[in-house]
N, C-alpha and C. Protein backbone atom coordinates (compact mmCIF):
# COMPACT_ATOMS: atom_id res chain seq x y z
N MET A 1 47.03 57.23 19.15
CA MET A 1 46.77 56.05 18.29
C MET A 1 47.99 55.55 17.88
N ASN A 2 48.23 54.21 17.76
CA ASN A 2 49.36 53.61 17.15
C ASN A 2 49.48 53.80 15.62
N LEU A 3 50.73 53.63 14.84
CA LEU A 3 50.89 53.52 13.42
C LEU A 3 49.98 52.54 12.76
N LEU A 4 49.24 52.80 11.70
CA LEU A 4 48.28 51.92 11.12
C LEU A 4 49.01 51.30 10.12
N THR A 5 49.22 49.99 9.98
CA THR A 5 50.06 49.33 9.09
C THR A 5 49.57 47.75 8.80
N GLY A 6 49.58 47.36 7.61
CA GLY A 6 49.14 46.04 7.33
C GLY A 6 48.31 45.96 6.03
N GLU A 7 48.13 44.63 5.65
CA GLU A 7 47.33 44.57 4.44
C GLU A 7 46.58 43.27 4.62
N TYR A 8 45.23 43.30 4.87
CA TYR A 8 44.50 41.96 5.38
C TYR A 8 43.25 41.84 4.32
N ASN A 9 43.14 40.52 4.11
CA ASN A 9 41.90 40.27 3.35
C ASN A 9 40.60 39.70 4.31
N ASN A 10 39.56 40.11 4.03
CA ASN A 10 38.28 39.66 4.65
C ASN A 10 37.33 39.72 3.68
N THR A 11 35.90 39.29 4.35
CA THR A 11 35.04 39.11 3.36
C THR A 11 33.65 40.13 4.18
N ILE A 12 32.92 40.72 3.31
CA ILE A 12 31.89 41.50 4.03
C ILE A 12 30.70 40.87 3.62
N ASP A 13 29.62 40.79 4.53
CA ASP A 13 28.49 39.93 4.59
C ASP A 13 27.23 40.83 3.79
N ASP A 14 26.17 39.99 3.68
CA ASP A 14 25.03 40.35 3.00
C ASP A 14 24.59 41.80 3.71
N LYS A 15 24.60 41.89 4.76
CA LYS A 15 24.35 43.09 5.63
C LYS A 15 25.14 44.15 5.82
N GLY A 16 26.33 43.92 5.12
CA GLY A 16 27.41 45.18 4.80
C GLY A 16 28.29 45.09 6.02
N ARG A 17 28.35 44.01 6.75
CA ARG A 17 29.13 44.10 7.85
C ARG A 17 30.73 43.58 7.50
N LEU A 18 31.62 44.02 8.08
CA LEU A 18 32.87 43.57 7.53
C LEU A 18 33.85 43.49 8.92
N SER A 19 34.23 42.14 9.02
CA SER A 19 35.11 41.99 10.29
C SER A 19 36.43 42.73 10.07
N PHE A 20 36.88 43.17 11.26
CA PHE A 20 38.02 43.96 11.08
C PHE A 20 39.18 43.27 11.71
N PRO A 21 40.52 43.51 11.27
CA PRO A 21 41.72 42.73 11.97
C PRO A 21 41.86 43.20 13.33
N VAL A 22 42.17 42.30 14.28
CA VAL A 22 42.21 42.45 15.49
C VAL A 22 43.56 43.49 15.71
N LYS A 23 44.50 43.50 14.85
CA LYS A 23 45.75 44.64 15.01
C LYS A 23 45.33 45.74 14.68
N LEU A 24 44.32 46.48 13.69
CA LEU A 24 44.06 47.54 13.23
C LEU A 24 43.10 48.19 14.33
N ARG A 25 42.21 47.12 14.88
CA ARG A 25 41.11 47.62 16.00
C ARG A 25 42.19 47.98 17.20
N THR A 26 42.99 47.27 17.62
CA THR A 26 43.68 47.60 18.76
C THR A 26 44.42 48.78 18.49
N ALA A 27 45.02 48.92 17.50
CA ALA A 27 45.92 50.30 17.13
C ALA A 27 45.15 51.44 17.05
N VAL A 28 43.69 51.42 16.53
CA VAL A 28 43.00 52.54 16.66
C VAL A 28 42.58 52.90 18.24
N ASN A 29 42.29 51.92 18.71
CA ASN A 29 41.79 51.86 20.26
C ASN A 29 40.69 52.88 20.55
N GLN A 30 39.53 52.49 19.47
CA GLN A 30 38.50 53.54 19.50
C GLN A 30 37.30 52.70 18.88
N ASN A 31 36.18 52.80 19.58
CA ASN A 31 34.98 51.93 19.21
C ASN A 31 34.39 52.79 17.71
N VAL A 32 34.59 53.89 17.78
CA VAL A 32 33.57 54.68 16.72
C VAL A 32 34.62 55.31 15.85
N LEU A 33 34.73 55.03 14.47
CA LEU A 33 35.62 55.45 13.36
C LEU A 33 34.73 56.43 12.48
N MET A 34 35.41 57.40 11.72
CA MET A 34 34.40 57.99 10.54
C MET A 34 34.88 57.49 9.37
N ILE A 35 34.09 57.08 8.42
CA ILE A 35 34.07 56.47 7.14
C ILE A 35 33.79 57.44 6.08
N THR A 36 34.44 57.51 4.91
CA THR A 36 34.39 58.28 3.69
C THR A 36 34.78 57.77 2.38
N LYS A 37 34.19 58.39 1.49
CA LYS A 37 34.97 57.90 -0.06
C LYS A 37 36.02 58.57 0.04
N GLY A 38 37.12 57.53 -0.36
CA GLY A 38 38.51 57.83 -0.77
C GLY A 38 38.87 58.14 -2.35
N SER A 39 39.92 58.32 -2.53
CA SER A 39 40.26 58.36 -4.04
C SER A 39 40.41 56.72 -4.44
N GLY A 40 40.47 56.57 -5.93
CA GLY A 40 40.79 55.29 -6.45
C GLY A 40 39.59 54.15 -6.02
N ARG A 41 38.38 54.59 -5.65
CA ARG A 41 37.30 53.59 -5.53
C ARG A 41 37.50 53.00 -4.13
N CYS A 42 37.95 53.36 -3.24
CA CYS A 42 38.20 52.87 -1.90
C CYS A 42 37.41 53.67 -0.95
N LEU A 43 37.41 53.34 0.24
CA LEU A 43 36.82 54.07 1.35
C LEU A 43 37.96 54.44 2.38
N TRP A 44 37.84 55.50 2.81
CA TRP A 44 38.96 55.71 3.87
C TRP A 44 38.27 55.83 5.39
N LEU A 45 39.02 55.35 6.31
CA LEU A 45 38.57 55.26 7.76
C LEU A 45 39.68 56.01 8.50
N PHE A 46 38.96 56.85 9.34
CA PHE A 46 39.84 57.81 10.57
C PHE A 46 39.33 57.62 11.82
N THR A 47 40.17 57.77 12.73
CA THR A 47 39.76 57.91 14.05
C THR A 47 39.30 59.15 14.26
N LEU A 48 38.32 59.42 15.24
CA LEU A 48 37.68 60.62 15.52
C LEU A 48 38.66 61.83 15.32
N ASP A 49 39.91 61.68 16.01
CA ASP A 49 40.97 62.77 16.09
C ASP A 49 41.48 63.12 14.75
N GLU A 50 42.06 61.81 13.82
CA GLU A 50 42.32 62.10 12.86
C GLU A 50 41.64 62.73 11.77
N TRP A 51 40.22 62.13 11.94
CA TRP A 51 39.04 62.90 11.13
C TRP A 51 39.04 64.15 11.48
N GLU A 52 39.02 64.91 12.59
CA GLU A 52 38.94 66.31 13.13
C GLU A 52 40.17 67.10 11.91
N GLN A 53 41.38 66.49 12.26
CA GLN A 53 42.61 67.25 11.64
C GLN A 53 42.33 67.22 10.02
N PHE A 54 41.92 65.96 9.38
CA PHE A 54 41.38 66.12 7.99
C PHE A 54 40.51 66.85 7.49
N GLN A 55 39.53 66.93 8.22
CA GLN A 55 38.12 67.68 7.86
C GLN A 55 38.55 69.27 7.80
N SER A 56 39.30 69.71 8.79
CA SER A 56 39.51 70.85 9.44
C SER A 56 40.66 71.51 8.22
N LYS A 57 41.57 70.58 7.69
CA LYS A 57 42.48 71.15 6.87
C LYS A 57 41.69 71.33 5.30
N ILE A 58 40.68 70.27 4.98
CA ILE A 58 39.77 70.50 4.13
C ILE A 58 39.05 71.54 3.99
N THR A 59 38.29 71.66 5.02
CA THR A 59 37.25 72.80 4.96
C THR A 59 37.72 74.36 5.29
N GLY A 60 38.85 74.09 5.94
CA GLY A 60 39.61 75.43 6.12
C GLY A 60 40.41 76.02 4.78
N SER A 61 40.70 75.13 3.80
CA SER A 61 41.41 75.57 2.84
C SER A 61 40.19 75.81 1.59
N ALA A 62 39.01 75.44 1.91
CA ALA A 62 38.00 75.50 0.92
C ALA A 62 37.22 77.01 0.84
N SER A 63 36.76 77.27 -0.44
CA SER A 63 36.15 78.54 -0.65
C SER A 63 34.63 78.28 -1.09
N LEU A 64 33.79 78.67 -0.30
CA LEU A 64 32.37 78.22 -1.12
C LEU A 64 32.35 79.09 -2.53
N LEU A 65 33.09 79.69 -2.85
CA LEU A 65 33.29 80.53 -4.22
C LEU A 65 33.86 79.99 -5.38
N LYS A 66 34.68 78.95 -4.74
CA LYS A 66 35.72 78.14 -5.75
C LYS A 66 35.10 76.53 -5.70
N GLU A 67 34.67 76.56 -6.97
CA GLU A 67 34.19 74.98 -7.56
C GLU A 67 34.89 73.88 -7.12
N LYS A 68 36.14 74.14 -7.55
CA LYS A 68 37.15 73.05 -7.48
C LYS A 68 37.28 72.59 -5.82
N SER A 69 37.42 73.64 -4.77
CA SER A 69 37.56 73.18 -3.59
C SER A 69 36.10 72.52 -3.06
N MET A 70 34.97 72.88 -3.51
CA MET A 70 33.85 72.60 -2.98
C MET A 70 33.60 71.23 -3.78
N MET A 71 34.29 71.12 -4.82
CA MET A 71 34.23 69.52 -5.37
C MET A 71 34.99 68.50 -4.10
N VAL A 72 36.07 69.13 -3.78
CA VAL A 72 36.68 68.15 -3.00
C VAL A 72 35.86 67.97 -1.57
N VAL A 73 35.28 69.10 -1.12
CA VAL A 73 34.66 69.14 0.27
C VAL A 73 33.49 68.27 -0.04
N ARG A 74 32.86 68.06 -1.14
CA ARG A 74 31.60 67.40 -1.46
C ARG A 74 31.98 65.81 -1.60
N ARG A 75 33.23 65.63 -2.18
CA ARG A 75 33.73 64.30 -2.42
C ARG A 75 34.09 63.53 -0.90
N PHE A 76 34.70 64.35 -0.11
CA PHE A 76 35.29 63.65 1.02
C PHE A 76 34.66 63.86 2.14
N ILE A 77 34.11 65.12 2.46
CA ILE A 77 33.51 65.41 3.77
C ILE A 77 31.94 65.22 3.82
N ALA A 78 31.39 65.20 2.84
CA ALA A 78 29.75 65.17 2.80
C ALA A 78 29.37 64.02 2.96
N PRO A 79 29.73 62.93 2.28
CA PRO A 79 29.53 61.66 2.42
C PRO A 79 29.86 60.89 3.98
N ALA A 80 30.72 61.56 4.50
CA ALA A 80 31.10 60.82 5.92
C ALA A 80 30.22 60.43 6.79
N GLN A 81 30.56 59.29 7.41
CA GLN A 81 29.55 58.89 8.48
C GLN A 81 30.35 58.41 9.67
N ASP A 82 29.87 58.23 10.87
CA ASP A 82 30.59 57.53 12.21
C ASP A 82 30.33 56.00 11.68
N VAL A 83 31.10 55.04 12.13
CA VAL A 83 30.36 53.85 12.42
C VAL A 83 31.00 53.28 13.39
N GLU A 84 30.41 52.16 14.17
CA GLU A 84 30.99 51.74 15.25
C GLU A 84 31.08 49.96 15.28
N PHE A 85 32.13 49.74 15.88
CA PHE A 85 32.59 48.16 16.03
C PHE A 85 31.33 47.52 16.84
N ASP A 86 30.78 46.43 16.39
CA ASP A 86 30.00 46.01 16.90
C ASP A 86 30.64 44.71 18.17
N LYS A 87 30.11 43.93 18.80
CA LYS A 87 30.56 43.18 19.74
C LYS A 87 31.47 42.04 19.23
N ASN A 88 31.39 41.66 17.90
CA ASN A 88 32.11 40.69 17.35
C ASN A 88 33.22 41.39 16.48
N GLY A 89 33.61 42.81 16.39
CA GLY A 89 34.49 43.49 15.77
C GLY A 89 34.36 43.80 14.50
N ARG A 90 33.03 43.77 13.97
CA ARG A 90 32.65 44.20 12.55
C ARG A 90 32.34 45.47 12.64
N LEU A 91 32.43 46.28 11.57
CA LEU A 91 31.88 47.68 11.18
C LEU A 91 30.75 47.30 9.97
N SER A 92 29.58 47.98 10.24
CA SER A 92 28.65 48.23 9.58
C SER A 92 28.78 49.15 8.31
N ILE A 93 29.06 48.86 7.04
CA ILE A 93 29.51 49.89 6.07
C ILE A 93 28.34 50.25 5.40
N PRO A 94 27.80 51.74 5.68
CA PRO A 94 26.82 52.11 4.98
C PRO A 94 26.57 51.93 3.51
N GLN A 95 25.40 51.68 3.14
CA GLN A 95 25.21 51.12 1.87
C GLN A 95 25.54 52.06 0.70
N SER A 96 25.36 53.37 0.62
CA SER A 96 25.97 54.34 -0.30
C SER A 96 27.55 54.11 -0.62
N LEU A 97 28.01 53.90 0.88
CA LEU A 97 29.67 53.87 0.52
C LEU A 97 30.10 52.35 0.23
N ARG A 98 29.40 51.30 0.34
CA ARG A 98 29.31 50.17 -0.15
C ARG A 98 29.24 50.07 -1.88
N GLU A 99 28.46 50.71 -2.04
CA GLU A 99 27.97 50.99 -3.73
C GLU A 99 29.34 51.82 -4.05
N TYR A 100 29.66 52.71 -3.80
CA TYR A 100 30.84 53.68 -4.19
C TYR A 100 32.07 52.53 -4.55
N ALA A 101 32.38 51.98 -3.45
CA ALA A 101 33.48 51.12 -3.41
C ALA A 101 33.15 49.66 -3.94
N ASP A 102 32.17 49.42 -4.38
CA ASP A 102 31.86 48.23 -5.00
C ASP A 102 32.21 47.09 -4.23
N LEU A 103 32.06 47.33 -2.70
CA LEU A 103 32.10 46.35 -1.83
C LEU A 103 31.31 45.28 -1.71
N THR A 104 31.17 43.99 -2.38
CA THR A 104 30.19 42.84 -2.62
C THR A 104 30.62 41.79 -1.70
N LYS A 105 31.85 41.18 -1.37
CA LYS A 105 32.33 40.01 -1.18
C LYS A 105 33.63 40.23 -0.22
N ASP A 106 34.58 40.21 -1.52
CA ASP A 106 36.06 39.92 -0.75
C ASP A 106 36.60 41.36 -0.91
N CYS A 107 36.99 41.65 0.36
CA CYS A 107 37.62 43.16 0.74
C CYS A 107 39.09 43.13 1.01
N THR A 108 39.83 44.03 0.86
CA THR A 108 41.27 44.20 1.27
C THR A 108 41.23 45.56 2.22
N ILE A 109 41.65 45.40 3.61
CA ILE A 109 41.74 46.37 4.34
C ILE A 109 43.40 46.65 4.52
N LEU A 110 43.53 48.14 4.36
CA LEU A 110 44.93 48.59 4.60
C LEU A 110 45.05 49.28 5.66
N GLY A 111 46.28 49.27 6.42
CA GLY A 111 46.60 50.48 7.25
C GLY A 111 47.60 51.40 6.50
N VAL A 112 47.34 52.54 6.62
CA VAL A 112 48.21 53.66 6.00
C VAL A 112 48.39 54.65 6.80
N ALA A 113 49.11 54.47 7.94
CA ALA A 113 50.00 55.30 8.60
C ALA A 113 48.78 55.95 9.67
N ASN A 114 48.04 56.70 9.26
CA ASN A 114 47.21 57.66 10.06
C ASN A 114 45.76 57.36 9.53
N HIS A 115 45.55 56.40 8.76
CA HIS A 115 44.18 56.20 8.35
C HIS A 115 44.16 54.63 7.91
N MET A 116 42.81 54.21 7.44
CA MET A 116 42.66 52.90 6.93
C MET A 116 42.02 52.95 5.45
N GLU A 117 42.01 52.08 4.76
CA GLU A 117 41.63 52.31 3.57
C GLU A 117 40.72 50.66 3.14
N ILE A 118 39.76 50.48 2.66
CA ILE A 118 38.60 49.49 2.13
C ILE A 118 38.54 49.20 0.95
N TRP A 119 39.17 48.30 0.38
CA TRP A 119 39.04 48.17 -1.27
C TRP A 119 38.20 46.95 -1.62
N ASN A 120 37.45 46.80 -2.62
CA ASN A 120 37.12 45.59 -3.28
C ASN A 120 38.53 44.91 -3.63
N SER A 121 38.68 43.74 -3.22
CA SER A 121 39.93 42.93 -3.65
C SER A 121 40.33 43.12 -5.05
N ALA A 122 39.39 42.84 -5.81
CA ALA A 122 39.59 42.75 -7.09
C ALA A 122 39.94 44.41 -7.92
N VAL A 123 39.19 45.08 -7.28
CA VAL A 123 39.51 46.64 -7.78
C VAL A 123 41.07 46.83 -7.14
N TYR A 124 41.38 46.44 -6.02
CA TYR A 124 42.66 46.77 -5.60
C TYR A 124 43.50 46.14 -6.35
N ALA A 125 43.54 45.01 -6.72
CA ALA A 125 44.42 43.97 -7.56
C ALA A 125 44.61 44.93 -9.08
N GLU A 126 43.80 45.42 -9.42
CA GLU A 126 43.74 46.02 -10.81
C GLU A 126 44.62 47.48 -10.55
N TYR A 127 44.31 48.14 -9.43
CA TYR A 127 45.02 49.39 -9.15
C TYR A 127 46.35 49.14 -8.92
N LEU A 128 46.68 47.96 -8.18
CA LEU A 128 48.49 47.93 -8.03
C LEU A 128 48.96 47.54 -9.35
N ALA A 129 48.26 46.81 -10.23
CA ALA A 129 48.76 46.39 -11.71
C ALA A 129 48.77 47.79 -12.50
N GLU A 130 48.06 48.38 -12.55
CA GLU A 130 48.01 49.62 -13.24
C GLU A 130 49.09 50.55 -12.73
N CYS A 131 49.33 50.82 -11.41
CA CYS A 131 50.42 51.51 -11.08
C CYS A 131 52.09 51.09 -10.92
N GLU A 132 51.70 49.90 -11.01
CA GLU A 132 53.48 49.32 -10.97
C GLU A 132 54.33 50.03 -11.97
N SER A 133 53.93 50.38 -13.15
CA SER A 133 54.71 50.87 -14.02
C SER A 133 55.26 52.46 -13.73
N MET A 134 54.32 52.77 -12.76
CA MET A 134 54.35 54.47 -12.58
C MET A 134 55.06 54.39 -11.11
N PHE A 135 55.35 53.36 -10.30
CA PHE A 135 55.86 53.28 -9.09
C PHE A 135 57.17 53.95 -8.76
N LYS A 136 58.04 53.65 -9.80
CA LYS A 136 59.50 53.81 -9.76
C LYS A 136 59.59 55.38 -9.77
N ASP A 137 58.76 55.82 -10.60
CA ASP A 137 58.81 57.31 -10.86
C ASP A 137 58.39 58.18 -9.64
N ALA A 138 57.07 57.54 -9.14
CA ALA A 138 56.64 58.14 -8.03
C ALA A 138 57.53 57.96 -6.80
N ALA A 139 57.96 57.14 -6.59
CA ALA A 139 59.06 56.89 -5.71
C ALA A 139 60.18 57.69 -5.61
N GLU A 140 60.47 58.11 -6.66
CA GLU A 140 61.69 58.95 -7.09
C GLU A 140 61.54 60.40 -6.57
N ASP A 141 60.01 60.99 -6.36
CA ASP A 141 59.55 62.10 -6.25
C ASP A 141 60.02 62.28 -4.51
N PHE A 142 60.19 61.21 -3.75
CA PHE A 142 60.72 61.40 -2.51
C PHE A 142 61.92 61.53 -2.42
N ASP A 143 62.55 62.52 -3.21
CA ASP A 143 64.12 62.59 -3.18
C ASP A 143 64.92 63.13 -2.05
N ASP A 144 64.01 63.56 -1.10
CA ASP A 144 64.57 64.10 0.19
C ASP A 144 64.64 63.06 1.04
N ILE A 145 64.26 61.86 1.30
CA ILE A 145 64.17 60.78 2.08
C ILE A 145 65.56 59.84 1.62
N ASN A 146 66.56 59.96 2.61
CA ASN A 146 67.80 59.22 2.47
C ASN A 146 67.50 57.88 3.49
N LEU A 147 67.89 56.70 2.72
CA LEU A 147 67.57 55.69 3.55
C LEU A 147 69.08 54.95 3.72
């Protein structure tokens, strides 16, 4: 899989189908992806290989006896479903995940290195505005990166 990058805007139709950018479809080079709830009211999409790594790390670190770890498992692993591109390059987003991310019309699709995110465009704009004031401090936490 190639590095996933880019920010794209598209619309989701009444049947929950979202046209996917050709660049991202080409980069993942797979017809089936895993989709789940992400953080910040977005959805996360993984290739099957990346999903296997992600879910192995989560479940391998979790304990059935620790409520916080099970909360994370239930949030990310339990709602995961596989989705497949149709012949027109669209993904059908499951209803429960559309409701979680409030995907009704305008969507923003992000390539984020090893996964993709799908946001309601208005929610994403709000998120960016809220985070702007914290961005500098967050970037300074990457003090070991020298450019």
